[in-house]
Amino acid sequence: HSWPLLYRLRWWFCINRRVAAAVMQCSLPKSGLRASSRPMAFTSHAAPIKAVAFGSAKRPAAQKLAVHCQAAAAAETAETQRPQRPTVHNQPPPETYAIVEVGGKQLFVEPGKWYVCNRLQVDVGDKIRLGRVLALKQGDNFTVGRPYLENVNIEAEVLEELRGPKLIVYKMKPKKHYRRKTGHRQELTKFLVTKIDA
């Protein structure tokens, strides 16, 4: 090659740095100097080279087992202390429940719980009776209506009248300069189921 010596050395160092480091280490005088990319401060006495072990010392088997047992015990205590969020899958089914149609929706209702449906024409504090019962479960008996069950009494108390979250209704016709943006909040009724009787 017609390249200068400096360029050839640089190209050779880039291709194989490990071989270059080994060659430099062997070619240094035995005065204790180390091959490094950073310049070293001048000292009258050169420090001898010490071998450094990069691998960590092995732990005894008993110490490893003790650490593993402690980690397993900590994980078990964390799992036992973590409260489970009640869902349909991890909770047993209630003894008494019914499926009713109210406010244009079908609800799974239990005694002692409150529910929200579309606005009913009733006042706050009124006692209402849910007549459209699709299914009823009491103890081990499960009954399905065709389409509704007769002689089933489900009583509820109206707690409050509220409105749902705001929904944005946006209408647009392209290239016609037509834009309409309105909001909507659904009128809702909250009621408490007090009694389920057949």
N, C-alpha and C. Protein backbone atom coordinates (compact mmCIF):
# COMPACT_ATOMS: atom_id res chain seq x y z
N HIS A 1 0.83 -1.20 0.00
CA HIS A 1 0.00 0.00 0.00
C HIS A 1 0.86 1.25 0.00
N SER A 2 0.32 2.32 -0.55
CA SER A 2 1.02 3.61 -0.54
C SER A 2 0.59 4.49 0.62
N TRP A 3 -0.21 3.90 1.57
CA TRP A 3 -0.65 4.71 2.71
C TRP A 3 0.52 4.97 3.64
N PRO A 4 0.48 6.08 4.36
CA PRO A 4 1.52 6.30 5.38
C PRO A 4 1.41 5.26 6.48
N LEU A 5 2.44 5.17 7.25
CA LEU A 5 2.49 4.18 8.31
C LEU A 5 1.40 4.41 9.36
N LEU A 6 1.11 5.65 9.67
CA LEU A 6 0.10 5.95 10.70
C LEU A 6 -1.28 5.43 10.28
N TYR A 7 -1.66 5.63 9.01
CA TYR A 7 -2.96 5.16 8.54
C TYR A 7 -3.03 3.64 8.54
N ARG A 8 -1.93 2.98 8.17
CA ARG A 8 -1.94 1.52 8.17
C ARG A 8 -2.06 0.96 9.58
N LEU A 9 -1.38 1.58 10.54
CA LEU A 9 -1.50 1.12 11.92
C LEU A 9 -2.93 1.33 12.44
N ARG A 10 -3.51 2.47 12.12
CA ARG A 10 -4.88 2.74 12.57
C ARG A 10 -5.86 1.74 11.99
N TRP A 11 -5.72 1.42 10.72
CA TRP A 11 -6.60 0.43 10.08
C TRP A 11 -6.42 -0.95 10.71
N TRP A 12 -5.18 -1.30 11.03
CA TRP A 12 -4.92 -2.60 11.63
C TRP A 12 -5.47 -2.66 13.05
N PHE A 13 -5.36 -1.55 13.81
CA PHE A 13 -5.91 -1.52 15.17
C PHE A 13 -7.43 -1.65 15.15
N CYS A 14 -8.09 -1.02 14.22
CA CYS A 14 -9.55 -1.09 14.16
C CYS A 14 -10.04 -2.49 13.83
N ILE A 15 -9.27 -3.22 13.01
CA ILE A 15 -9.71 -4.56 12.62
C ILE A 15 -9.57 -5.54 13.78
N ASN A 16 -8.50 -5.49 14.47
CA ASN A 16 -8.28 -6.48 15.53
C ASN A 16 -7.67 -5.78 16.73
N ARG A 17 -8.51 -5.28 17.61
CA ARG A 17 -8.01 -4.54 18.76
C ARG A 17 -7.41 -5.48 19.81
N ARG A 18 -7.96 -6.67 19.93
CA ARG A 18 -7.43 -7.58 20.93
C ARG A 18 -5.99 -7.99 20.60
N VAL A 19 -5.73 -8.30 19.36
CA VAL A 19 -4.38 -8.68 18.96
C VAL A 19 -3.44 -7.50 19.14
N ALA A 20 -3.90 -6.30 18.83
CA ALA A 20 -3.07 -5.12 18.99
C ALA A 20 -2.73 -4.89 20.45
N ALA A 21 -3.70 -5.07 21.35
CA ALA A 21 -3.44 -4.89 22.78
C ALA A 21 -2.44 -5.92 23.28
N ALA A 22 -2.56 -7.19 22.79
CA ALA A 22 -1.62 -8.22 23.21
C ALA A 22 -0.22 -7.91 22.72
N VAL A 23 -0.08 -7.44 21.50
CA VAL A 23 1.23 -7.11 20.95
C VAL A 23 1.87 -5.96 21.71
N MET A 24 1.04 -4.95 22.04
CA MET A 24 1.57 -3.81 22.79
C MET A 24 2.00 -4.23 24.18
N GLN A 25 1.25 -5.12 24.80
CA GLN A 25 1.59 -5.58 26.14
C GLN A 25 2.92 -6.34 26.14
N CYS A 26 3.13 -7.16 25.11
CA CYS A 26 4.37 -7.94 25.05
C CYS A 26 5.57 -7.08 24.67
N SER A 27 5.34 -6.01 23.91
CA SER A 27 6.45 -5.20 23.44
C SER A 27 6.89 -4.16 24.45
N LEU A 28 6.10 -3.94 25.54
CA LEU A 28 6.49 -2.95 26.53
C LEU A 28 7.67 -3.46 27.35
N PRO A 29 8.51 -2.57 27.85
CA PRO A 29 9.61 -3.00 28.73
C PRO A 29 9.06 -3.49 30.05
N LYS A 30 9.83 -4.31 30.75
CA LYS A 30 9.40 -4.91 32.01
C LYS A 30 9.63 -3.99 33.20
N SER A 31 9.26 -2.72 33.03
CA SER A 31 9.43 -1.75 34.10
C SER A 31 8.14 -1.47 34.85
N GLY A 32 7.11 -2.23 34.55
CA GLY A 32 5.85 -2.04 35.25
C GLY A 32 4.88 -1.14 34.54
N LEU A 33 5.15 -0.64 33.33
CA LEU A 33 4.23 0.23 32.62
C LEU A 33 3.09 -0.59 32.04
N ARG A 34 1.92 0.02 31.98
CA ARG A 34 0.74 -0.65 31.44
C ARG A 34 0.31 0.01 30.15
N ALA A 35 -0.23 -0.79 29.25
CA ALA A 35 -0.76 -0.24 28.00
C ALA A 35 -2.14 0.31 28.25
N SER A 36 -2.32 1.58 28.01
CA SER A 36 -3.60 2.21 28.27
C SER A 36 -3.84 3.27 27.22
N SER A 37 -5.10 3.54 26.95
CA SER A 37 -5.42 4.57 25.99
C SER A 37 -5.30 5.96 26.59
N ARG A 38 -5.31 6.05 27.95
CA ARG A 38 -5.19 7.35 28.60
C ARG A 38 -3.75 7.55 29.08
N PRO A 39 -3.22 8.76 29.00
CA PRO A 39 -1.85 9.00 29.49
C PRO A 39 -1.80 8.89 31.00
N MET A 40 -0.71 8.34 31.52
CA MET A 40 -0.51 8.17 32.95
C MET A 40 0.38 9.27 33.48
N ALA A 41 0.11 9.66 34.73
CA ALA A 41 0.92 10.70 35.36
C ALA A 41 2.34 10.18 35.58
N PHE A 42 3.30 11.09 35.50
CA PHE A 42 4.71 10.71 35.66
C PHE A 42 5.01 10.46 37.13
N THR A 43 5.60 9.32 37.41
CA THR A 43 6.05 8.98 38.76
C THR A 43 7.44 8.42 38.67
N SER A 44 8.20 8.63 39.75
CA SER A 44 9.58 8.15 39.77
C SER A 44 9.63 6.64 39.90
N HIS A 45 8.64 6.04 40.61
CA HIS A 45 8.60 4.60 40.79
C HIS A 45 7.37 4.05 40.09
N ALA A 46 7.56 3.19 39.16
CA ALA A 46 6.44 2.59 38.43
C ALA A 46 5.79 1.52 39.27
N ALA A 47 4.47 1.53 39.35
CA ALA A 47 3.75 0.54 40.14
C ALA A 47 3.71 -0.77 39.39
N PRO A 48 3.94 -1.87 40.08
CA PRO A 48 3.89 -3.17 39.39
C PRO A 48 2.48 -3.52 38.96
N ILE A 49 2.40 -4.32 37.93
CA ILE A 49 1.10 -4.72 37.40
C ILE A 49 0.54 -5.84 38.26
N LYS A 50 -0.73 -5.67 38.64
CA LYS A 50 -1.40 -6.68 39.45
C LYS A 50 -2.51 -7.33 38.63
N ALA A 51 -2.59 -8.61 38.73
CA ALA A 51 -3.63 -9.34 38.00
C ALA A 51 -4.98 -9.10 38.68
N VAL A 52 -5.98 -8.76 37.90
CA VAL A 52 -7.33 -8.48 38.41
C VAL A 52 -8.25 -9.57 37.92
N ALA A 53 -8.96 -10.21 38.85
CA ALA A 53 -9.92 -11.27 38.50
C ALA A 53 -11.28 -10.64 38.26
N PHE A 54 -11.81 -10.80 37.04
CA PHE A 54 -13.10 -10.21 36.70
C PHE A 54 -14.26 -11.07 37.16
N GLY A 55 -14.08 -12.35 37.34
CA GLY A 55 -15.16 -13.24 37.80
C GLY A 55 -15.35 -13.12 39.30
N SER A 56 -16.59 -13.11 39.77
CA SER A 56 -16.87 -13.03 41.19
C SER A 56 -16.61 -14.37 41.85
N ALA A 57 -16.23 -14.29 43.13
CA ALA A 57 -15.95 -15.53 43.87
C ALA A 57 -17.22 -16.33 44.06
N LYS A 58 -17.11 -17.63 44.00
CA LYS A 58 -18.28 -18.50 44.12
C LYS A 58 -18.76 -18.54 45.57
N ARG A 59 -20.08 -18.48 45.73
CA ARG A 59 -20.65 -18.56 47.05
C ARG A 59 -20.78 -20.02 47.47
N PRO A 60 -20.70 -20.27 48.75
CA PRO A 60 -20.95 -21.65 49.20
C PRO A 60 -22.38 -22.07 48.90
N ALA A 61 -22.57 -23.38 48.77
CA ALA A 61 -23.90 -23.91 48.42
C ALA A 61 -24.90 -23.60 49.53
N ALA A 62 -24.47 -23.65 50.79
CA ALA A 62 -25.40 -23.39 51.90
C ALA A 62 -25.87 -21.95 51.88
N GLN A 63 -24.97 -21.00 51.55
CA GLN A 63 -25.36 -19.59 51.51
C GLN A 63 -26.33 -19.35 50.36
N LYS A 64 -26.08 -19.97 49.18
CA LYS A 64 -27.02 -19.83 48.07
C LYS A 64 -28.40 -20.37 48.44
N LEU A 65 -28.44 -21.53 49.10
CA LEU A 65 -29.72 -22.12 49.49
C LEU A 65 -30.44 -21.23 50.48
N ALA A 66 -29.71 -20.63 51.43
CA ALA A 66 -30.34 -19.76 52.42
C ALA A 66 -30.93 -18.53 51.75
N VAL A 67 -30.19 -17.93 50.80
CA VAL A 67 -30.71 -16.76 50.10
C VAL A 67 -31.95 -17.12 49.30
N HIS A 68 -31.94 -18.29 48.62
CA HIS A 68 -33.09 -18.72 47.83
C HIS A 68 -34.31 -18.95 48.73
N CYS A 69 -34.09 -19.58 49.90
CA CYS A 69 -35.21 -19.83 50.82
C CYS A 69 -35.79 -18.54 51.35
N GLN A 70 -34.93 -17.55 51.65
CA GLN A 70 -35.42 -16.27 52.13
C GLN A 70 -36.25 -15.57 51.06
N ALA A 71 -35.80 -15.62 49.80
CA ALA A 71 -36.55 -14.98 48.71
C ALA A 71 -37.90 -15.66 48.51
N ALA A 72 -37.94 -17.00 48.58
CA ALA A 72 -39.20 -17.72 48.41
C ALA A 72 -40.17 -17.38 49.55
N ALA A 73 -39.65 -17.30 50.78
CA ALA A 73 -40.52 -16.97 51.90
C ALA A 73 -41.07 -15.55 51.77
N ALA A 74 -40.23 -14.61 51.32
CA ALA A 74 -40.70 -13.23 51.14
C ALA A 74 -41.78 -13.16 50.06
N ALA A 75 -41.59 -13.92 48.96
CA ALA A 75 -42.60 -13.92 47.89
C ALA A 75 -43.92 -14.50 48.38
N GLU A 76 -43.87 -15.58 49.19
CA GLU A 76 -45.09 -16.19 49.69
C GLU A 76 -45.84 -15.24 50.63
N THR A 77 -45.11 -14.55 51.51
CA THR A 77 -45.77 -13.60 52.40
C THR A 77 -46.37 -12.44 51.63
N ALA A 78 -45.69 -11.98 50.57
CA ALA A 78 -46.23 -10.88 49.76
C ALA A 78 -47.51 -11.32 49.07
N GLU A 79 -47.55 -12.57 48.56
CA GLU A 79 -48.76 -13.03 47.89
C GLU A 79 -49.92 -13.21 48.86
N THR A 80 -49.63 -13.68 50.06
CA THR A 80 -50.70 -13.87 51.04
C THR A 80 -51.22 -12.55 51.57
N GLN A 81 -50.37 -11.52 51.67
CA GLN A 81 -50.80 -10.23 52.19
C GLN A 81 -51.47 -9.37 51.15
N ARG A 82 -51.27 -9.66 49.87
CA ARG A 82 -51.87 -8.84 48.82
C ARG A 82 -53.37 -9.08 48.76
N PRO A 83 -54.19 -8.05 48.96
CA PRO A 83 -55.65 -8.27 48.92
C PRO A 83 -56.12 -8.48 47.49
N GLN A 84 -57.06 -9.40 47.34
CA GLN A 84 -57.62 -9.69 46.02
C GLN A 84 -58.81 -8.79 45.77
N ARG A 85 -58.86 -8.24 44.56
CA ARG A 85 -59.98 -7.41 44.18
C ARG A 85 -61.16 -8.32 43.82
N PRO A 86 -62.31 -8.10 44.44
CA PRO A 86 -63.43 -9.00 44.15
C PRO A 86 -63.94 -8.84 42.73
N THR A 87 -64.01 -9.95 42.01
CA THR A 87 -64.54 -9.97 40.65
C THR A 87 -65.54 -11.11 40.54
N VAL A 88 -66.13 -11.24 39.37
CA VAL A 88 -67.10 -12.31 39.15
C VAL A 88 -66.42 -13.67 39.19
N HIS A 89 -65.13 -13.73 38.82
CA HIS A 89 -64.44 -15.00 38.70
C HIS A 89 -63.93 -15.55 40.02
N ASN A 90 -63.53 -14.66 40.97
CA ASN A 90 -62.96 -15.16 42.22
C ASN A 90 -63.93 -15.09 43.40
N GLN A 91 -65.20 -14.74 43.15
CA GLN A 91 -66.19 -14.68 44.22
C GLN A 91 -67.27 -15.73 43.97
N PRO A 92 -67.77 -16.36 45.02
CA PRO A 92 -68.85 -17.33 44.83
C PRO A 92 -70.14 -16.62 44.43
N PRO A 93 -71.02 -17.29 43.70
CA PRO A 93 -72.28 -16.65 43.30
C PRO A 93 -73.17 -16.40 44.52
N PRO A 94 -73.95 -15.34 44.51
CA PRO A 94 -74.83 -15.07 45.65
C PRO A 94 -75.95 -16.09 45.75
N GLU A 95 -76.52 -16.18 46.94
CA GLU A 95 -77.61 -17.14 47.16
C GLU A 95 -78.88 -16.73 46.43
N THR A 96 -79.13 -15.42 46.38
CA THR A 96 -80.35 -14.92 45.74
C THR A 96 -79.99 -13.79 44.80
N TYR A 97 -80.43 -13.92 43.56
CA TYR A 97 -80.26 -12.83 42.60
C TYR A 97 -81.33 -12.98 41.53
N ALA A 98 -81.48 -11.92 40.74
CA ALA A 98 -82.48 -11.91 39.67
C ALA A 98 -81.94 -11.11 38.51
N ILE A 99 -82.48 -11.41 37.34
CA ILE A 99 -82.16 -10.65 36.12
C ILE A 99 -83.44 -9.94 35.70
N VAL A 100 -83.38 -8.62 35.74
CA VAL A 100 -84.57 -7.82 35.48
C VAL A 100 -84.32 -6.90 34.30
N GLU A 101 -85.41 -6.46 33.70
CA GLU A 101 -85.35 -5.50 32.61
C GLU A 101 -85.92 -4.18 33.12
N VAL A 102 -85.06 -3.16 33.17
CA VAL A 102 -85.48 -1.86 33.69
C VAL A 102 -84.73 -0.77 32.93
N GLY A 103 -85.46 0.25 32.52
CA GLY A 103 -84.84 1.37 31.81
C GLY A 103 -84.27 0.99 30.46
N GLY A 104 -84.83 -0.04 29.81
CA GLY A 104 -84.33 -0.46 28.52
C GLY A 104 -83.09 -1.32 28.58
N LYS A 105 -82.69 -1.76 29.79
CA LYS A 105 -81.51 -2.61 29.93
C LYS A 105 -81.84 -3.79 30.82
N GLN A 106 -81.00 -4.82 30.72
CA GLN A 106 -81.13 -5.99 31.59
C GLN A 106 -80.04 -5.92 32.65
N LEU A 107 -80.45 -6.01 33.92
CA LEU A 107 -79.53 -5.86 35.04
C LEU A 107 -79.53 -7.14 35.89
N PHE A 108 -78.36 -7.47 36.41
CA PHE A 108 -78.16 -8.57 37.36
C PHE A 108 -78.23 -7.94 38.75
N VAL A 109 -79.32 -8.15 39.48
CA VAL A 109 -79.55 -7.44 40.74
C VAL A 109 -79.53 -8.41 41.91
N GLU A 110 -79.06 -7.90 43.05
CA GLU A 110 -79.03 -8.63 44.31
C GLU A 110 -79.65 -7.75 45.38
N PRO A 111 -80.20 -8.33 46.41
CA PRO A 111 -80.75 -7.50 47.50
C PRO A 111 -79.63 -6.83 48.28
N GLY A 112 -79.85 -5.54 48.61
CA GLY A 112 -78.87 -4.80 49.38
C GLY A 112 -77.86 -4.04 48.55
N LYS A 113 -77.97 -4.03 47.22
CA LYS A 113 -77.03 -3.32 46.37
C LYS A 113 -77.78 -2.29 45.52
N TRP A 114 -77.08 -1.22 45.16
CA TRP A 114 -77.69 -0.18 44.35
C TRP A 114 -77.21 -0.29 42.90
N TYR A 115 -78.04 0.20 41.99
CA TYR A 115 -77.77 0.10 40.55
C TYR A 115 -78.20 1.41 39.89
N VAL A 116 -77.71 1.62 38.67
CA VAL A 116 -78.00 2.83 37.90
C VAL A 116 -78.61 2.40 36.57
N CYS A 117 -79.69 3.06 36.19
CA CYS A 117 -80.35 2.79 34.91
C CYS A 117 -80.76 4.12 34.30
N ASN A 118 -81.33 4.06 33.12
CA ASN A 118 -81.83 5.27 32.47
C ASN A 118 -82.95 5.88 33.32
N ARG A 119 -83.16 7.18 33.13
CA ARG A 119 -84.07 7.94 33.99
C ARG A 119 -85.48 7.34 33.99
N LEU A 120 -85.99 7.08 35.20
CA LEU A 120 -87.35 6.58 35.40
C LEU A 120 -88.23 7.74 35.84
N GLN A 121 -89.51 7.67 35.49
CA GLN A 121 -90.46 8.72 35.84
C GLN A 121 -90.94 8.55 37.29
N VAL A 122 -90.02 8.69 38.22
CA VAL A 122 -90.32 8.57 39.65
C VAL A 122 -89.56 9.66 40.38
N ASP A 123 -89.95 9.87 41.64
CA ASP A 123 -89.28 10.87 42.48
C ASP A 123 -88.30 10.19 43.43
N VAL A 124 -87.38 10.99 43.96
CA VAL A 124 -86.40 10.47 44.91
C VAL A 124 -87.11 10.07 46.19
N GLY A 125 -86.82 8.87 46.68
CA GLY A 125 -87.44 8.36 47.90
C GLY A 125 -88.63 7.46 47.64
N ASP A 126 -89.10 7.36 46.40
CA ASP A 126 -90.26 6.52 46.09
C ASP A 126 -89.88 5.04 46.16
N LYS A 127 -90.87 4.22 46.49
CA LYS A 127 -90.74 2.77 46.47
C LYS A 127 -91.28 2.26 45.14
N ILE A 128 -90.50 1.48 44.43
CA ILE A 128 -90.91 0.97 43.12
C ILE A 128 -90.84 -0.55 43.15
N ARG A 129 -91.56 -1.14 42.20
CA ARG A 129 -91.58 -2.59 42.05
C ARG A 129 -91.15 -2.92 40.64
N LEU A 130 -90.15 -3.79 40.51
CA LEU A 130 -89.64 -4.20 39.20
C LEU A 130 -90.40 -5.43 38.76
N GLY A 131 -91.20 -5.28 37.70
CA GLY A 131 -92.09 -6.36 37.29
C GLY A 131 -91.55 -7.25 36.19
N ARG A 132 -90.64 -6.73 35.37
CA ARG A 132 -90.12 -7.52 34.25
C ARG A 132 -88.92 -8.34 34.72
N VAL A 133 -89.19 -9.50 35.28
CA VAL A 133 -88.15 -10.38 35.81
C VAL A 133 -87.91 -11.49 34.80
N LEU A 134 -86.69 -11.58 34.27
CA LEU A 134 -86.38 -12.59 33.27
C LEU A 134 -85.93 -13.91 33.89
N ALA A 135 -85.24 -13.86 35.04
CA ALA A 135 -84.76 -15.08 35.69
C ALA A 135 -84.61 -14.81 37.18
N LEU A 136 -84.70 -15.87 37.95
CA LEU A 136 -84.61 -15.76 39.41
C LEU A 136 -83.87 -16.98 39.94
N LYS A 137 -82.97 -16.71 40.92
CA LYS A 137 -82.24 -17.78 41.58
C LYS A 137 -82.39 -17.62 43.08
N GLN A 138 -82.90 -18.66 43.73
CA GLN A 138 -83.07 -18.69 45.18
C GLN A 138 -82.56 -20.03 45.69
N GLY A 139 -81.44 -19.98 46.41
CA GLY A 139 -80.86 -21.22 46.91
C GLY A 139 -80.36 -22.09 45.76
N ASP A 140 -80.93 -23.30 45.66
CA ASP A 140 -80.55 -24.22 44.58
C ASP A 140 -81.51 -24.18 43.40
N ASN A 141 -82.56 -23.37 43.48
CA ASN A 141 -83.56 -23.30 42.42
C ASN A 141 -83.26 -22.12 41.50
N PHE A 142 -83.23 -22.40 40.20
CA PHE A 142 -83.03 -21.37 39.19
C PHE A 142 -84.18 -21.45 38.20
N THR A 143 -84.91 -20.36 38.04
CA THR A 143 -86.10 -20.33 37.19
C THR A 143 -85.93 -19.29 36.11
N VAL A 144 -86.30 -19.64 34.89
CA VAL A 144 -86.22 -18.74 33.74
C VAL A 144 -87.62 -18.50 33.23
N GLY A 145 -87.96 -17.24 32.94
CA GLY A 145 -89.29 -16.89 32.47
C GLY A 145 -89.44 -17.02 30.97
N ARG A 146 -90.72 -16.95 30.50
CA ARG A 146 -91.03 -17.06 29.07
C ARG A 146 -92.01 -15.96 28.65
N PRO A 147 -91.64 -14.74 28.46
CA PRO A 147 -90.30 -14.19 28.69
C PRO A 147 -90.10 -13.70 30.13
N TYR A 148 -91.24 -13.45 30.87
CA TYR A 148 -91.12 -12.92 32.22
C TYR A 148 -91.70 -13.92 33.22
N LEU A 149 -91.24 -13.78 34.47
CA LEU A 149 -91.75 -14.62 35.55
C LEU A 149 -92.91 -13.93 36.24
N GLU A 150 -93.91 -14.70 36.57
CA GLU A 150 -95.05 -14.19 37.32
C GLU A 150 -94.84 -14.47 38.81
N ASN A 151 -95.54 -13.70 39.64
CA ASN A 151 -95.53 -13.88 41.10
C ASN A 151 -94.13 -13.71 41.70
N VAL A 152 -93.33 -12.85 41.09
CA VAL A 152 -92.01 -12.51 41.64
C VAL A 152 -92.04 -11.05 42.04
N ASN A 153 -91.71 -10.77 43.29
CA ASN A 153 -91.78 -9.42 43.83
C ASN A 153 -90.37 -8.91 44.09
N ILE A 154 -89.97 -7.88 43.35
CA ILE A 154 -88.67 -7.23 43.56
C ILE A 154 -88.94 -5.77 43.87
N GLU A 155 -88.61 -5.37 45.09
CA GLU A 155 -88.86 -4.00 45.55
C GLU A 155 -87.55 -3.24 45.59
N ALA A 156 -87.65 -1.93 45.29
CA ALA A 156 -86.47 -1.07 45.27
C ALA A 156 -86.86 0.32 45.74
N GLU A 157 -85.85 1.08 46.14
CA GLU A 157 -86.04 2.45 46.61
C GLU A 157 -85.17 3.38 45.78
N VAL A 158 -85.76 4.48 45.29
CA VAL A 158 -85.03 5.42 44.45
C VAL A 158 -84.14 6.28 45.36
N LEU A 159 -82.84 6.28 45.08
CA LEU A 159 -81.89 7.03 45.90
C LEU A 159 -81.66 8.44 45.38
N GLU A 160 -81.40 8.58 44.10
CA GLU A 160 -81.13 9.92 43.56
C GLU A 160 -81.30 9.90 42.04
N GLU A 161 -81.37 11.12 41.50
CA GLU A 161 -81.39 11.32 40.06
C GLU A 161 -80.09 12.03 39.67
N LEU A 162 -79.40 11.50 38.73
CA LEU A 162 -78.10 12.04 38.35
C LEU A 162 -77.96 12.04 36.84
N ARG A 163 -76.79 12.53 36.37
CA ARG A 163 -76.50 12.58 34.95
C ARG A 163 -75.16 11.91 34.70
N GLY A 164 -75.07 11.25 33.56
CA GLY A 164 -73.86 10.54 33.20
C GLY A 164 -72.77 11.47 32.71
N PRO A 165 -71.61 10.92 32.34
CA PRO A 165 -70.52 11.76 31.82
C PRO A 165 -70.88 12.38 30.49
N LYS A 166 -70.24 13.52 30.22
CA LYS A 166 -70.56 14.25 28.99
C LYS A 166 -69.97 13.53 27.78
N LEU A 167 -70.77 13.43 26.75
CA LEU A 167 -70.36 12.87 25.46
C LEU A 167 -70.40 13.98 24.42
N ILE A 168 -69.37 14.02 23.57
CA ILE A 168 -69.30 15.04 22.52
C ILE A 168 -69.88 14.46 21.24
N VAL A 169 -70.87 15.16 20.68
CA VAL A 169 -71.51 14.77 19.42
C VAL A 169 -71.04 15.78 18.37
N TYR A 170 -70.24 15.32 17.43
CA TYR A 170 -69.66 16.21 16.42
C TYR A 170 -70.09 15.73 15.04
N LYS A 171 -70.71 16.62 14.29
CA LYS A 171 -71.15 16.31 12.93
C LYS A 171 -70.39 17.21 11.95
N MET A 172 -69.99 16.63 10.82
CA MET A 172 -69.21 17.37 9.83
C MET A 172 -69.54 16.86 8.43
N LYS A 173 -69.67 17.78 7.52
CA LYS A 173 -69.79 17.45 6.10
C LYS A 173 -68.63 18.11 5.38
N PRO A 174 -67.77 17.31 4.77
CA PRO A 174 -66.58 17.92 4.14
C PRO A 174 -66.94 18.79 2.94
N LYS A 175 -66.19 19.89 2.82
CA LYS A 175 -66.31 20.82 1.68
C LYS A 175 -67.67 21.48 1.58
N LYS A 176 -68.44 21.50 2.68
CA LYS A 176 -69.76 22.13 2.68
C LYS A 176 -69.88 23.19 3.78
N HIS A 177 -68.81 23.43 4.53
CA HIS A 177 -68.81 24.39 5.63
C HIS A 177 -69.88 24.06 6.66
N TYR A 178 -70.01 22.77 6.97
CA TYR A 178 -71.01 22.31 7.94
C TYR A 178 -70.28 21.69 9.12
N ARG A 179 -70.39 22.30 10.29
CA ARG A 179 -69.79 21.80 11.52
C ARG A 179 -70.81 21.98 12.64
N ARG A 180 -71.07 20.91 13.38
CA ARG A 180 -71.97 20.98 14.52
C ARG A 180 -71.34 20.22 15.68
N LYS A 181 -71.18 20.88 16.80
CA LYS A 181 -70.59 20.26 17.99
C LYS A 181 -71.52 20.51 19.17
N THR A 182 -72.04 19.41 19.71
CA THR A 182 -72.95 19.50 20.86
C THR A 182 -72.51 18.48 21.90
N GLY A 183 -72.96 18.67 23.12
CA GLY A 183 -72.68 17.74 24.20
C GLY A 183 -73.95 17.04 24.67
N HIS A 184 -73.77 15.89 25.28
CA HIS A 184 -74.91 15.12 25.77
C HIS A 184 -74.54 14.46 27.09
N ARG A 185 -75.43 14.57 28.06
CA ARG A 185 -75.30 13.87 29.33
C ARG A 185 -76.60 13.12 29.59
N GLN A 186 -76.48 11.81 29.71
CA GLN A 186 -77.65 10.96 29.87
C GLN A 186 -78.25 11.13 31.26
N GLU A 187 -79.58 11.24 31.31
CA GLU A 187 -80.28 11.31 32.59
C GLU A 187 -80.39 9.91 33.18
N LEU A 188 -79.98 9.75 34.43
CA LEU A 188 -79.92 8.45 35.08
C LEU A 188 -80.67 8.47 36.40
N THR A 189 -81.01 7.26 36.86
CA THR A 189 -81.67 7.06 38.15
C THR A 189 -80.93 5.98 38.92
N LYS A 190 -80.62 6.26 40.18
CA LYS A 190 -79.96 5.29 41.04
C LYS A 190 -80.99 4.74 42.02
N PHE A 191 -81.05 3.41 42.11
CA PHE A 191 -82.03 2.79 43.01
C PHE A 191 -81.36 1.67 43.80
N LEU A 192 -81.92 1.37 44.97
CA LEU A 192 -81.41 0.34 45.86
C LEU A 192 -82.41 -0.78 45.92
N VAL A 193 -81.97 -2.02 45.63
CA VAL A 193 -82.85 -3.19 45.70
C VAL A 193 -82.94 -3.60 47.16
N THR A 194 -84.15 -3.58 47.69
CA THR A 194 -84.37 -3.89 49.10
C THR A 194 -84.88 -5.30 49.35
N LYS A 195 -85.59 -5.86 48.36
CA LYS A 195 -86.23 -7.16 48.62
C LYS A 195 -86.42 -7.92 47.32
N ILE A 196 -86.10 -9.23 47.35
CA ILE A 196 -86.38 -10.14 46.23
C ILE A 196 -87.15 -11.32 46.82
N ASP A 197 -88.38 -11.46 46.39
CA ASP A 197 -89.23 -12.49 46.96
C ASP A 197 -90.03 -13.12 45.84
N ALA A 198 -90.29 -14.45 45.97
CA ALA A 198 -91.06 -15.17 44.96
C ALA A 198 -92.28 -15.78 45.62
